[in-house]
Amino acid sequence: MTTTPQLAAQLYTVREFTQTRDDLRASLAKIRNIGYPAVQVSGIGNIPDTDVKAIADDLGLKICITHVRPAEALWKNLDVVIAQHHLWNCRHVGLGMMPQAYRDEGEAGYRRFAADATRIGERLAEAGLTFNYHNHSFELERFGTRTGLDIIFEESDPRYLNAILDTYWIQHGGGDSAAWIRRMTGRMPVVHFKDMVIVNGEQAMAEVGEGNLNWPEILRACEEAGVEWYAVEQDTCRRDPFDSLKISFEHLKTFFARSLSQ
């Protein structure tokens, strides 16, 4: 790699430990001690935005992106969302999942979501922010020759809707993570890193480097696509989630070192 990768911890990983102001501070301190320079705010408790900003600043952590909660705020209270992100000096606004009402409409719902997301993204762009959509595997459902994820990104305006591709969920849906990352070149400031293993015959989430995904190829794709932030996330952990974040961090440092030495 020609530039130093920017790593972030997705706070959804440690959501059970971020529900109060004191717990948030303690959790962010652990994350900073692991070595992460940034976090994605997601799944935290009802903590005042000013307190979140103060804690992050005190610990020297950048907020690089969010998952807006409740998601309805993007449709109903966008000015509040904009003010929050300006306060946090966070340029990237994230949506963690397409609302169920769109999913219930099938292909037409995906097309309607693409149009609505473009309108939201345009308003955010006017405020100096970006709008970014995080996938799961349900978007890989096919409608004729296209998947739902195809529809979202083909029918939305690339100026106003970016991706937060999730390596695990793309693989879970039968997609190729590296190919999808390359497809989002110039349209994905943040990617989600999590690995996949098989446990008792079932797919399970794992720490980066502890599973079966092709990380050298994924990292090459991220470099080619111009990804700014690599956010480590693990929705479910089979050990202490802070230990999981540390394992992923250490593996990624090793991957980066190998790449830089080649």
C-alpha atoms as a PDB file:
ATOM      1  CA  MET A   1       0.000   0.000   0.000  1.00  0.00           C
ATOM      2  CA  THR A   2       1.198   3.477  -0.772  1.00  0.00           C
ATOM      3  CA  THR A   3      -0.614   5.167   2.118  1.00  0.00           C
ATOM      4  CA  THR A   4      -1.065   4.307   5.754  1.00  0.00           C
ATOM      5  CA  PRO A   5      -4.394   2.491   6.185  1.00  0.00           C
ATOM      6  CA  GLN A   6      -6.896   4.146   8.491  1.00  0.00           C
ATOM      7  CA  LEU A   7      -8.469   1.694  10.932  1.00  0.00           C
ATOM      8  CA  ALA A   8     -11.619   2.224  12.956  1.00  0.00           C
ATOM      9  CA  ALA A   9     -13.580   0.161  15.456  1.00  0.00           C
ATOM     10  CA  GLN A  10     -17.297  -0.184  14.799  1.00  0.00           C
ATOM     11  CA  LEU A  11     -18.909   0.420  18.212  1.00  0.00           C
ATOM     12  CA  TYR A  12     -21.784  -1.935  17.404  1.00  0.00           C
ATOM     13  CA  THR A  13     -19.259  -4.658  18.247  1.00  0.00           C
ATOM     14  CA  VAL A  14     -19.226  -3.504  21.883  1.00  0.00           C
ATOM     15  CA  ARG A  15     -22.786  -2.134  22.058  1.00  0.00           C
ATOM     16  CA  GLU A  16     -23.485  -3.894  25.377  1.00  0.00           C
ATOM     17  CA  PHE A  17     -20.692  -1.816  26.921  1.00  0.00           C
ATOM     18  CA  THR A  18     -21.646   1.631  25.576  1.00  0.00           C
ATOM     19  CA  GLN A  19     -25.107   2.260  27.003  1.00  0.00           C
ATOM     20  CA  THR A  20     -24.112   4.839  29.653  1.00  0.00           C
ATOM     21  CA  ARG A  21     -21.724   7.773  29.569  1.00  0.00           C
ATOM     22  CA  ASP A  22     -19.280   6.083  31.957  1.00  0.00           C
ATOM     23  CA  ASP A  23     -19.381   2.801  30.070  1.00  0.00           C
ATOM     24  CA  LEU A  24     -18.846   4.608  26.783  1.00  0.00           C
ATOM     25  CA  ARG A  25     -15.776   6.348  28.151  1.00  0.00           C
ATOM     26  CA  ALA A  26     -14.362   3.091  29.535  1.00  0.00           C
ATOM     27  CA  SER A  27     -15.025   1.268  26.263  1.00  0.00           C
ATOM     28  CA  LEU A  28     -13.507   3.988  24.095  1.00  0.00           C
ATOM     29  CA  ALA A  29     -10.450   4.017  26.346  1.00  0.00           C
ATOM     30  CA  LYS A  30     -10.005   0.266  25.769  1.00  0.00           C
ATOM     31  CA  ILE A  31     -10.378   0.754  22.027  1.00  0.00           C
ATOM     32  CA  ARG A  32      -7.819   3.558  22.021  1.00  0.00           C
ATOM     33  CA  ASN A  33      -5.407   1.405  24.030  1.00  0.00           C
ATOM     34  CA  ILE A  34      -5.691  -1.360  21.435  1.00  0.00           C
ATOM     35  CA  GLY A  35      -4.456   1.171  18.905  1.00  0.00           C
ATOM     36  CA  TYR A  36      -7.515   2.213  16.936  1.00  0.00           C
ATOM     37  CA  PRO A  37      -7.412   5.918  16.012  1.00  0.00           C
ATOM     38  CA  ALA A  38     -11.105   6.163  15.147  1.00  0.00           C
ATOM     39  CA  VAL A  39     -14.546   4.719  15.765  1.00  0.00           C
ATOM     40  CA  GLN A  40     -17.861   4.373  14.011  1.00  0.00           C
ATOM     41  CA  VAL A  41     -20.677   5.452  16.324  1.00  0.00           C
ATOM     42  CA  SER A  42     -23.408   2.828  16.278  1.00  0.00           C
ATOM     43  CA  GLY A  43     -25.533   1.110  18.896  1.00  0.00           C
ATOM     44  CA  ILE A  44     -24.590   3.370  21.815  1.00  0.00           C
ATOM     45  CA  GLY A  45     -27.033   4.410  24.528  1.00  0.00           C
ATOM     46  CA  ASN A  46     -29.001   7.638  24.810  1.00  0.00           C
ATOM     47  CA  ILE A  47     -25.964   9.780  25.568  1.00  0.00           C
ATOM     48  CA  PRO A  48     -25.915  13.511  24.716  1.00  0.00           C
ATOM     49  CA  ASP A  49     -24.063  14.273  21.488  1.00  0.00           C
ATOM     50  CA  THR A  50     -21.903  16.822  23.291  1.00  0.00           C
ATOM     51  CA  ASP A  51     -20.776  14.148  25.780  1.00  0.00           C
ATOM     52  CA  VAL A  52     -19.931  11.718  22.978  1.00  0.00           C
ATOM     53  CA  LYS A  53     -17.838  14.410  21.317  1.00  0.00           C
ATOM     54  CA  ALA A  54     -16.081  15.352  24.571  1.00  0.00           C
ATOM     55  CA  ILE A  55     -15.189  11.736  25.388  1.00  0.00           C
ATOM     56  CA  ALA A  56     -13.860  11.035  21.905  1.00  0.00           C
ATOM     57  CA  ASP A  57     -11.816  14.240  21.929  1.00  0.00           C
ATOM     58  CA  ASP A  58     -10.394  13.522  25.389  1.00  0.00           C
ATOM     59  CA  LEU A  59      -9.208  10.116  24.206  1.00  0.00           C
ATOM     60  CA  GLY A  60      -7.897  11.322  20.860  1.00  0.00           C
ATOM     61  CA  LEU A  61     -10.406   9.311  18.842  1.00  0.00           C
ATOM     62  CA  LYS A  62     -11.953  10.479  15.586  1.00  0.00           C
ATOM     63  CA  ILE A  63     -15.559   9.652  14.726  1.00  0.00           C
ATOM     64  CA  CYS A  64     -15.198   8.664  11.083  1.00  0.00           C
ATOM     65  CA  ILE A  65     -18.757   7.524  10.302  1.00  0.00           C
ATOM     66  CA  THR A  66     -22.058   6.651  11.966  1.00  0.00           C
ATOM     67  CA  HIS A  67     -25.087   4.448  11.674  1.00  0.00           C
ATOM     68  CA  VAL A  68     -27.949   6.838  12.273  1.00  0.00           C
ATOM     69  CA  ARG A  69     -30.416   5.635  14.905  1.00  0.00           C
ATOM     70  CA  PRO A  70     -33.291   5.713  14.659  1.00  0.00           C
ATOM     71  CA  ALA A  71     -32.989   5.386  10.908  1.00  0.00           C
ATOM     72  CA  GLU A  72     -36.261   7.286  10.515  1.00  0.00           C
ATOM     73  CA  ALA A  73     -34.384  10.460  11.466  1.00  0.00           C
ATOM     74  CA  LEU A  74     -32.937  10.501   7.963  1.00  0.00           C
ATOM     75  CA  TRP A  75     -36.452  10.852   6.577  1.00  0.00           C
ATOM     76  CA  LYS A  76     -38.052  12.965   9.310  1.00  0.00           C
ATOM     77  CA  ASN A  77     -35.326  14.924  11.176  1.00  0.00           C
ATOM     78  CA  LEU A  78     -32.488  15.370   8.720  1.00  0.00           C
ATOM     79  CA  ASP A  79     -31.520  18.786  10.107  1.00  0.00           C
ATOM     80  CA  VAL A  80     -30.870  17.135  13.492  1.00  0.00           C
ATOM     81  CA  VAL A  81     -28.722  14.478  11.817  1.00  0.00           C
ATOM     82  CA  ILE A  82     -26.738  17.170  10.013  1.00  0.00           C
ATOM     83  CA  ALA A  83     -26.165  19.156  13.220  1.00  0.00           C
ATOM     84  CA  GLN A  84     -25.005  16.036  15.052  1.00  0.00           C
ATOM     85  CA  HIS A  85     -22.438  15.172  12.377  1.00  0.00           C
ATOM     86  CA  HIS A  86     -21.151  18.725  12.190  1.00  0.00           C
ATOM     87  CA  LEU A  87     -20.690  18.687  15.978  1.00  0.00           C
ATOM     88  CA  TRP A  88     -18.761  15.444  15.769  1.00  0.00           C
ATOM     89  CA  ASN A  89     -16.667  16.626  12.780  1.00  0.00           C
ATOM     90  CA  CYS A  90     -17.893  13.457  11.098  1.00  0.00           C
ATOM     91  CA  ARG A  91     -18.331  13.803   7.355  1.00  0.00           C
ATOM     92  CA  HIS A  92     -19.852  10.392   6.642  1.00  0.00           C
ATOM     93  CA  VAL A  93     -23.468   9.600   7.531  1.00  0.00           C
ATOM     94  CA  GLY A  94     -24.329   5.911   7.535  1.00  0.00           C
ATOM     95  CA  LEU A  95     -27.547   3.916   7.266  1.00  0.00           C
ATOM     96  CA  GLY A  96     -27.188   0.434   8.730  1.00  0.00           C
ATOM     97  CA  MET A  97     -30.084  -1.248   6.943  1.00  0.00           C
ATOM     98  CA  MET A  98     -32.833  -0.511   4.469  1.00  0.00           C
ATOM     99  CA  PRO A  99     -36.102   0.039   6.363  1.00  0.00           C
ATOM    100  CA  GLN A 100     -38.490  -2.919   6.312  1.00  0.00           C
ATOM    101  CA  ALA A 101     -41.202  -1.008   4.452  1.00  0.00           C
ATOM    102  CA  TYR A 102     -39.016  -0.933   1.338  1.00  0.00           C
ATOM    103  CA  ARG A 103     -38.096  -4.612   1.661  1.00  0.00           C
ATOM    104  CA  ASP A 104     -41.770  -5.555   1.838  1.00  0.00           C
ATOM    105  CA  GLU A 105     -42.294  -4.174  -1.699  1.00  0.00           C
ATOM    106  CA  GLY A 106     -39.717  -6.440  -3.333  1.00  0.00           C
ATOM    107  CA  GLU A 107     -38.044  -5.099  -6.466  1.00  0.00           C
ATOM    108  CA  ALA A 108     -40.206  -1.976  -6.494  1.00  0.00           C
ATOM    109  CA  GLY A 109     -39.114  -1.230  -2.939  1.00  0.00           C
ATOM    110  CA  TYR A 110     -35.451  -1.343  -3.877  1.00  0.00           C
ATOM    111  CA  ARG A 111     -36.092   1.061  -6.730  1.00  0.00           C
ATOM    112  CA  ARG A 112     -38.061   3.390  -4.466  1.00  0.00           C
ATOM    113  CA  PHE A 113     -35.312   3.254  -1.852  1.00  0.00           C
ATOM    114  CA  ALA A 114     -32.666   4.161  -4.445  1.00  0.00           C
ATOM    115  CA  ALA A 115     -34.661   7.252  -5.405  1.00  0.00           C
ATOM    116  CA  ASP A 116     -35.352   8.283  -1.804  1.00  0.00           C
ATOM    117  CA  ALA A 117     -31.729   7.688  -0.761  1.00  0.00           C
ATOM    118  CA  THR A 118     -30.579   9.923  -3.613  1.00  0.00           C
ATOM    119  CA  ARG A 119     -32.780  12.739  -2.345  1.00  0.00           C
ATOM    120  CA  ILE A 120     -31.484  12.333   1.220  1.00  0.00           C
ATOM    121  CA  GLY A 121     -27.905  12.185  -0.030  1.00  0.00           C
ATOM    122  CA  GLU A 122     -28.340  15.338  -2.058  1.00  0.00           C
ATOM    123  CA  ARG A 123     -29.471  17.255   1.023  1.00  0.00           C
ATOM    124  CA  LEU A 124     -26.555  15.858   3.004  1.00  0.00           C
ATOM    125  CA  ALA A 125     -24.141  16.827   0.236  1.00  0.00           C
ATOM    126  CA  GLU A 126     -25.423  20.396   0.414  1.00  0.00           C
ATOM    127  CA  ALA A 127     -24.354  20.319   4.078  1.00  0.00           C
ATOM    128  CA  GLY A 128     -20.890  18.975   3.227  1.00  0.00           C
ATOM    129  CA  LEU A 129     -21.689  15.395   4.247  1.00  0.00           C
ATOM    130  CA  THR A 130     -21.910  12.037   2.459  1.00  0.00           C
ATOM    131  CA  PHE A 131     -24.630   9.383   2.643  1.00  0.00           C
ATOM    132  CA  ASN A 132     -23.493   5.765   2.909  1.00  0.00           C
ATOM    133  CA  TYR A 133     -25.483   2.514   2.821  1.00  0.00           C
ATOM    134  CA  HIS A 134     -24.418  -0.621   4.733  1.00  0.00           C
ATOM    135  CA  ASN A 135     -25.518  -3.948   3.287  1.00  0.00           C
ATOM    136  CA  HIS A 136     -26.440  -7.279   4.808  1.00  0.00           C
ATOM    137  CA  SER A 137     -27.020 -10.404   2.726  1.00  0.00           C
ATOM    138  CA  PHE A 138     -30.741  -9.952   2.057  1.00  0.00           C
ATOM    139  CA  GLU A 139     -29.900  -7.364  -0.627  1.00  0.00           C
ATOM    140  CA  LEU A 140     -28.290 -10.148  -2.678  1.00  0.00           C
ATOM    141  CA  GLU A 141     -31.734 -11.557  -3.454  1.00  0.00           C
ATOM    142  CA  ARG A 142     -32.180 -11.698  -7.215  1.00  0.00           C
ATOM    143  CA  PHE A 143     -34.936 -10.011  -9.167  1.00  0.00           C
ATOM    144  CA  GLY A 144     -34.490 -11.330 -12.686  1.00  0.00           C
ATOM    145  CA  THR A 145     -30.932 -10.520 -13.766  1.00  0.00           C
ATOM    146  CA  ARG A 146     -30.200  -8.105 -10.910  1.00  0.00           C
ATOM    147  CA  THR A 147     -29.867  -8.335  -7.165  1.00  0.00           C
ATOM    148  CA  GLY A 148     -31.363  -5.837  -4.769  1.00  0.00           C
ATOM    149  CA  LEU A 149     -27.877  -4.455  -4.168  1.00  0.00           C
ATOM    150  CA  ASP A 150     -27.435  -3.971  -7.923  1.00  0.00           C
ATOM    151  CA  ILE A 151     -30.661  -1.976  -8.006  1.00  0.00           C
ATOM    152  CA  ILE A 152     -29.685   0.225  -5.054  1.00  0.00           C
ATOM    153  CA  PHE A 153     -26.394   1.312  -6.568  1.00  0.00           C
ATOM    154  CA  GLU A 154     -27.368   1.300 -10.247  1.00  0.00           C
ATOM    155  CA  GLU A 155     -30.510   3.373  -9.748  1.00  0.00           C
ATOM    156  CA  SER A 156     -29.206   5.844  -7.156  1.00  0.00           C
ATOM    157  CA  ASP A 157     -27.059   8.832  -8.052  1.00  0.00           C
ATOM    158  CA  PRO A 158     -23.386   8.016  -7.324  1.00  0.00           C
ATOM    159  CA  ARG A 159     -22.857  11.631  -6.299  1.00  0.00           C
ATOM    160  CA  TYR A 160     -25.283  11.211  -3.428  1.00  0.00           C
ATOM    161  CA  LEU A 161     -25.212   7.577  -2.281  1.00  0.00           C
ATOM    162  CA  ASN A 162     -22.082   5.681  -1.322  1.00  0.00           C
ATOM    163  CA  ALA A 163     -21.553   2.147  -0.029  1.00  0.00           C
ATOM    164  CA  ILE A 164     -20.365   0.708   3.269  1.00  0.00           C
ATOM    165  CA  LEU A 165     -19.814  -2.789   1.914  1.00  0.00           C
ATOM    166  CA  ASP A 166     -19.563  -5.490   4.567  1.00  0.00           C
ATOM    167  CA  THR A 167     -17.125  -8.261   3.650  1.00  0.00           C
ATOM    168  CA  TYR A 168     -18.922 -10.921   5.711  1.00  0.00           C
ATOM    169  CA  TRP A 169     -22.425 -10.153   4.492  1.00  0.00           C
ATOM    170  CA  ILE A 170     -21.374  -9.987   0.839  1.00  0.00           C
ATOM    171  CA  GLN A 171     -19.842 -13.457   1.177  1.00  0.00           C
ATOM    172  CA  HIS A 172     -22.858 -14.665   3.184  1.00  0.00           C
ATOM    173  CA  GLY A 173     -25.114 -13.648   0.284  1.00  0.00           C
ATOM    174  CA  GLY A 174     -23.001 -15.500  -2.261  1.00  0.00           C
ATOM    175  CA  GLY A 175     -21.177 -12.450  -3.576  1.00  0.00           C
ATOM    176  CA  ASP A 176     -17.483 -11.762  -4.115  1.00  0.00           C
ATOM    177  CA  SER A 177     -16.286  -9.192  -1.575  1.00  0.00           C
ATOM    178  CA  ALA A 178     -13.257  -8.024  -3.540  1.00  0.00           C
ATOM    179  CA  ALA A 179     -15.243  -7.727  -6.778  1.00  0.00           C
ATOM    180  CA  TRP A 180     -17.938  -5.666  -5.072  1.00  0.00           C
ATOM    181  CA  ILE A 181     -15.331  -3.408  -3.463  1.00  0.00           C
ATOM    182  CA  ARG A 182     -13.755  -2.744  -6.853  1.00  0.00           C
ATOM    183  CA  ARG A 183     -17.187  -2.055  -8.276  1.00  0.00           C
ATOM    184  CA  MET A 184     -17.623   0.704  -5.685  1.00  0.00           C
ATOM    185  CA  THR A 185     -14.391   2.477  -6.672  1.00  0.00           C
ATOM    186  CA  GLY A 186     -14.671   6.159  -5.796  1.00  0.00           C
ATOM    187  CA  ARG A 187     -17.997   5.480  -4.119  1.00  0.00           C
ATOM    188  CA  MET A 188     -17.008   3.939  -0.776  1.00  0.00           C
ATOM    189  CA  PRO A 189     -15.144   5.951   1.874  1.00  0.00           C
ATOM    190  CA  VAL A 190     -15.666   3.266   4.535  1.00  0.00           C
ATOM    191  CA  VAL A 191     -15.697  -0.541   4.338  1.00  0.00           C
ATOM    192  CA  HIS A 192     -16.689  -3.014   7.065  1.00  0.00           C
ATOM    193  CA  PHE A 193     -14.230  -5.797   7.813  1.00  0.00           C
ATOM    194  CA  LYS A 194     -15.336  -9.038   9.414  1.00  0.00           C
ATOM    195  CA  ASP A 195     -14.314 -12.598   8.652  1.00  0.00           C
ATOM    196  CA  MET A 196     -16.317 -15.791   8.141  1.00  0.00           C
ATOM    197  CA  VAL A 197     -15.784 -19.266   9.609  1.00  0.00           C
ATOM    198  CA  ILE A 198     -17.795 -22.464   9.645  1.00  0.00           C
ATOM    199  CA  VAL A 199     -18.842 -23.661  13.110  1.00  0.00           C
ATOM    200  CA  ASN A 200     -20.785 -26.912  13.367  1.00  0.00           C
ATOM    201  CA  GLY A 201     -21.637 -26.641   9.708  1.00  0.00           C
ATOM    202  CA  GLU A 202     -22.989 -23.091   9.979  1.00  0.00           C
ATOM    203  CA  GLN A 203     -21.547 -19.765   8.833  1.00  0.00           C
ATOM    204  CA  ALA A 204     -20.334 -17.610  11.720  1.00  0.00           C
ATOM    205  CA  MET A 205     -18.616 -14.268  12.148  1.00  0.00           C
ATOM    206  CA  ALA A 206     -14.960 -14.208  13.111  1.00  0.00           C
ATOM    207  CA  GLU A 207     -12.104 -11.821  13.746  1.00  0.00           C
ATOM    208  CA  VAL A 208     -10.279 -10.557  10.663  1.00  0.00           C
ATOM    209  CA  GLY A 209      -7.637 -13.142   9.800  1.00  0.00           C
ATOM    210  CA  GLU A 210      -9.258 -15.917  11.824  1.00  0.00           C
ATOM    211  CA  GLY A 211     -11.598 -17.078   9.082  1.00  0.00           C
ATOM    212  CA  ASN A 212     -11.720 -18.013   5.426  1.00  0.00           C
ATOM    213  CA  LEU A 213     -12.010 -14.717   3.525  1.00  0.00           C
ATOM    214  CA  ASN A 214      -9.263 -13.775   1.061  1.00  0.00           C
ATOM    215  CA  TRP A 215      -7.799 -10.787   2.903  1.00  0.00           C
ATOM    216  CA  PRO A 216      -4.821 -10.092   0.618  1.00  0.00           C
ATOM    217  CA  GLU A 217      -7.241  -9.740  -2.308  1.00  0.00           C
ATOM    218  CA  ILE A 218      -9.764  -7.735  -0.264  1.00  0.00           C
ATOM    219  CA  LEU A 219      -7.053  -5.324   0.847  1.00  0.00           C
ATOM    220  CA  ARG A 220      -5.777  -4.909  -2.717  1.00  0.00           C
ATOM    221  CA  ALA A 221      -9.325  -4.159  -3.828  1.00  0.00           C
ATOM    222  CA  CYS A 222      -9.742  -1.559  -1.071  1.00  0.00           C
ATOM    223  CA  GLU A 223      -6.557   0.188  -2.128  1.00  0.00           C
ATOM    224  CA  GLU A 224      -7.654   0.231  -5.765  1.00  0.00           C
ATOM    225  CA  ALA A 225     -11.122   1.510  -4.810  1.00  0.00           C
ATOM    226  CA  GLY A 226      -9.759   4.407  -2.747  1.00  0.00           C
ATOM    227  CA  VAL A 227     -11.340   3.356   0.562  1.00  0.00           C
ATOM    228  CA  GLU A 228     -10.473   5.843   3.330  1.00  0.00           C
ATOM    229  CA  TRP A 229     -11.452   3.899   6.464  1.00  0.00           C
ATOM    230  CA  TYR A 230     -11.371   0.195   7.278  1.00  0.00           C
ATOM    231  CA  ALA A 231     -13.915  -0.284  10.067  1.00  0.00           C
ATOM    232  CA  VAL A 232     -13.636  -3.538  12.023  1.00  0.00           C
ATOM    233  CA  GLU A 233     -17.020  -4.899  13.075  1.00  0.00           C
ATOM    234  CA  GLN A 234     -18.208  -8.165  14.567  1.00  0.00           C
ATOM    235  CA  ASP A 235     -21.910  -8.366  15.315  1.00  0.00           C
ATOM    236  CA  THR A 236     -21.467 -11.514  17.403  1.00  0.00           C
ATOM    237  CA  CYS A 237     -18.259 -12.654  19.085  1.00  0.00           C
ATOM    238  CA  ARG A 238     -17.351 -16.034  20.573  1.00  0.00           C
ATOM    239  CA  ARG A 239     -15.052 -14.323  23.083  1.00  0.00           C
ATOM    240  CA  ASP A 240     -14.843 -10.934  24.807  1.00  0.00           C
ATOM    241  CA  PRO A 241     -15.621  -8.397  22.031  1.00  0.00           C
ATOM    242  CA  PHE A 242     -12.696  -6.182  23.012  1.00  0.00           C
ATOM    243  CA  ASP A 243     -10.410  -9.205  22.582  1.00  0.00           C
ATOM    244  CA  SER A 244     -12.007  -9.731  19.167  1.00  0.00           C
ATOM    245  CA  LEU A 245     -11.277  -6.130  18.183  1.00  0.00           C
ATOM    246  CA  LYS A 246      -7.674  -6.555  19.320  1.00  0.00           C
ATOM    247  CA  ILE A 247      -7.202  -9.804  17.367  1.00  0.00           C
ATOM    248  CA  SER A 248      -8.528  -8.166  14.193  1.00  0.00           C
ATOM    249  CA  PHE A 249      -6.314  -5.115  14.771  1.00  0.00           C
ATOM    250  CA  GLU A 250      -3.174  -7.230  15.196  1.00  0.00           C
ATOM    251  CA  HIS A 251      -3.914  -9.317  12.101  1.00  0.00           C
ATOM    252  CA  LEU A 252      -4.512  -6.192  10.030  1.00  0.00           C
ATOM    253  CA  LYS A 253      -1.219  -4.667  11.190  1.00  0.00           C
ATOM    254  CA  THR A 254       0.498  -7.834   9.985  1.00  0.00           C
ATOM    255  CA  PHE A 255      -1.323  -7.782   6.651  1.00  0.00           C
ATOM    256  CA  PHE A 256      -0.353  -4.130   6.129  1.00  0.00           C
ATOM    257  CA  ALA A 257       3.269  -4.753   7.054  1.00  0.00           C
ATOM    258  CA  ARG A 258       3.499  -7.580   4.517  1.00  0.00           C
ATOM    259  CA  SER A 259       1.968  -5.385   1.826  1.00  0.00           C
ATOM    260  CA  LEU A 260       4.309  -2.487   2.540  1.00  0.00           C
ATOM    261  CA  SER A 261       7.364  -4.740   2.378  1.00  0.00           C
ATOM    262  CA  GLN A 262       6.510  -6.153  -1.046  1.00  0.00           C
END
